[in-house]
Amino acid sequence: MAKFSMFVYALINFLSLFLVETAITNIRCVSDDDCPKVIKPLVMKCIGNYCYFFMIYEGP
């Protein structure tokens, strides 16, 4: 029973990350300049009139 409770707890925490992410990124835009500025390695791009976060990977 304890393992099942821990599984449900972990599942709720994991799924809540997606709910928070979708709530934050509903920013309307026309161009990339309309999106908020963020620090590297994150970049915001305007796609389909909404701002989306992207991670820049600068490999070795």
Protein backbone atom coordinates (compact mmCIF):
# COMPACT_ATOMS: atom_id res chain seq x y z
CA MET A 1 0.00 0.00 0.00
CA ALA A 2 2.85 2.39 0.81
CA LYS A 3 4.47 1.77 -2.58
CA PHE A 4 1.20 2.53 -4.36
CA SER A 5 0.76 5.77 -2.39
CA MET A 6 4.32 6.82 -3.27
CA PHE A 7 3.67 6.03 -6.94
CA VAL A 8 0.50 8.18 -6.97
CA TYR A 9 2.37 11.00 -5.20
CA ALA A 10 5.22 10.88 -7.74
CA LEU A 11 2.77 10.73 -10.66
CA ILE A 12 0.87 13.81 -9.43
CA ASN A 13 4.12 15.74 -9.01
CA PHE A 14 5.31 14.73 -12.48
CA LEU A 15 2.05 15.67 -14.20
CA SER A 16 1.82 19.00 -12.38
CA LEU A 17 5.04 20.09 -14.10
CA PHE A 18 3.25 19.97 -17.45
CA LEU A 19 0.29 21.95 -16.14
CA VAL A 20 2.56 24.71 -14.86
CA GLU A 21 4.56 24.79 -18.10
CA THR A 22 1.48 25.17 -20.30
CA ALA A 23 0.08 27.90 -18.06
CA ILE A 24 3.28 29.96 -18.23
CA THR A 25 3.83 29.79 -21.98
CA ASN A 26 0.46 31.18 -23.14
CA ILE A 27 1.96 34.52 -24.19
CA ARG A 28 0.58 35.92 -27.44
CA CYS A 29 3.02 37.46 -29.93
CA VAL A 30 3.42 38.63 -33.51
CA SER A 31 7.22 38.39 -33.77
CA ASP A 32 10.14 37.12 -31.66
CA ASP A 33 10.61 40.65 -30.28
CA ASP A 34 7.22 40.43 -28.52
CA CYS A 35 8.36 37.48 -26.38
CA PRO A 36 9.95 38.15 -22.97
CA LYS A 37 13.73 38.11 -22.76
CA VAL A 38 15.24 35.13 -20.92
CA ILE A 39 18.78 34.23 -19.94
CA LYS A 40 20.82 31.68 -21.87
CA PRO A 41 20.59 28.72 -22.50
CA LEU A 42 16.85 29.45 -22.92
CA VAL A 43 15.47 31.26 -25.96
CA MET A 44 11.88 32.31 -26.65
CA LYS A 45 10.51 32.13 -30.21
CA CYS A 46 7.16 33.23 -31.61
CA ILE A 47 5.49 30.28 -33.33
CA GLY A 48 1.84 30.35 -34.32
CA ASN A 49 1.29 33.65 -32.44
CA TYR A 50 2.47 32.15 -29.12
CA CYS A 51 5.84 32.35 -27.36
CA TYR A 52 7.64 29.03 -26.81
CA PHE A 53 10.76 28.23 -24.78
CA PHE A 54 13.68 26.46 -26.42
CA MET A 55 16.96 25.27 -24.94
CA ILE A 56 20.16 26.08 -26.80
CA TYR A 57 22.74 23.32 -26.64
CA GLU A 58 26.31 24.44 -27.13
CA GLY A 59 28.24 21.19 -27.36
CA PRO A 60 31.94 20.65 -26.76
